[in-house]
Amino acid sequence: MSYNVFMKLFVGLKPTRSQMQAFLRCKQPESEKLLEIFKERLEETKTALIYADDPVRISRLQGRAEVLADFLETVEKSSEILERLK
């Protein structure tokens, strides 16, 4: 499995244990509000994309959505990837 499918922006092809541990820590209760903010911003960005009509704005929103989605997916899959790195 190629790890870069969902972590291309943050950890690349060969994630390290320390990188994945950092993402795993984002799943701790004290980071819950931070993840909520990222999820809210992703939904806001998706909504803005629906109504955007300027090509430059659309491109920027797509980039923002990609970064937010990539981060959230990396956090979500961090325990699975960390297990594979053992």
Protein backbone atom coordinates (compact mmCIF):
# COMPACT_ATOMS: atom_id res chain seq x y z
CA MET A 1 0.00 0.00 0.00
CA SER A 2 1.27 3.42 -0.88
CA TYR A 3 1.02 5.68 2.15
CA ASN A 4 1.10 8.83 0.03
CA VAL A 5 -2.48 8.23 -1.12
CA PHE A 6 -3.77 10.01 1.97
CA MET A 7 -0.70 11.56 3.54
CA LYS A 8 1.04 13.12 0.59
CA LEU A 9 1.08 16.61 2.02
CA PHE A 10 2.20 15.81 5.53
CA VAL A 11 4.43 12.76 5.72
CA GLY A 12 5.16 11.65 2.18
CA LEU A 13 5.96 8.17 0.95
CA LYS A 14 7.85 6.93 3.99
CA PRO A 15 6.28 8.13 7.23
CA THR A 16 8.36 7.77 10.35
CA ARG A 17 7.12 6.43 13.67
CA SER A 18 7.55 9.85 15.26
CA GLN A 19 5.45 11.51 12.55
CA MET A 20 2.67 8.99 12.94
CA GLN A 21 2.81 9.26 16.74
CA ALA A 22 2.35 13.02 16.40
CA PHE A 23 -0.75 12.48 14.24
CA LEU A 24 -2.00 9.82 16.65
CA ARG A 25 -1.75 12.32 19.52
CA CYS A 26 -4.21 14.50 17.61
CA LYS A 27 -6.83 11.84 18.37
CA GLN A 28 -6.47 12.42 22.13
CA PRO A 29 -9.36 14.12 23.96
CA GLU A 30 -7.40 17.34 24.46
CA SER A 31 -7.20 17.76 20.67
CA GLU A 32 -10.88 17.11 20.03
CA LYS A 33 -11.76 20.79 19.61
CA LEU A 34 -8.89 21.32 17.18
CA LEU A 35 -10.15 18.49 14.98
CA GLU A 36 -13.65 19.95 15.14
CA ILE A 37 -12.29 23.25 13.84
CA PHE A 38 -10.55 21.51 10.95
CA LYS A 39 -13.73 19.58 10.08
CA GLU A 40 -15.83 22.76 10.23
CA ARG A 41 -13.37 24.62 7.99
CA LEU A 42 -13.44 21.76 5.50
CA GLU A 43 -17.24 21.89 5.32
CA GLU A 44 -17.17 25.69 4.97
CA THR A 45 -14.64 25.36 2.18
CA LYS A 46 -16.76 22.78 0.35
CA THR A 47 -19.75 25.10 0.58
CA ALA A 48 -17.70 28.03 -0.69
CA LEU A 49 -16.59 25.90 -3.65
CA ILE A 50 -20.21 25.35 -4.65
CA TYR A 51 -20.82 29.08 -4.93
CA ALA A 52 -17.42 30.24 -6.20
CA ASP A 53 -17.35 31.52 -9.75
CA ASP A 54 -13.84 32.96 -10.03
CA PRO A 55 -11.30 30.39 -11.33
CA VAL A 56 -8.57 31.70 -9.04
CA ARG A 57 -10.86 31.48 -6.00
CA ILE A 58 -11.93 27.97 -7.00
CA SER A 59 -8.30 26.88 -7.28
CA ARG A 60 -7.45 28.30 -3.87
CA LEU A 61 -10.47 26.68 -2.26
CA GLN A 62 -9.60 23.34 -3.84
CA GLY A 63 -6.10 23.60 -2.40
CA ARG A 64 -7.46 24.48 1.03
CA ALA A 65 -9.90 21.58 0.92
CA GLU A 66 -7.12 19.18 -0.08
CA VAL A 67 -4.91 20.25 2.83
CA LEU A 68 -7.71 20.04 5.39
CA ALA A 69 -8.94 16.66 4.11
CA ASP A 70 -5.41 15.29 3.95
CA PHE A 71 -4.69 16.34 7.52
CA LEU A 72 -7.93 14.85 8.85
CA GLU A 73 -7.43 11.59 6.97
CA THR A 74 -3.84 11.30 8.16
CA VAL A 75 -4.99 11.73 11.76
CA GLU A 76 -7.77 9.19 11.24
CA LYS A 77 -5.45 6.55 9.74
CA SER A 78 -2.48 7.25 12.02
CA SER A 79 -3.01 4.28 14.34
CA GLU A 80 -3.34 1.89 11.38
CA ILE A 81 -0.15 3.19 9.74
CA LEU A 82 1.73 3.27 13.03
CA GLU A 83 0.85 -0.39 13.54
CA ARG A 84 2.28 -1.24 10.10
CA LEU A 85 5.51 0.58 10.90
CA LYS A 86 6.32 -1.71 13.83
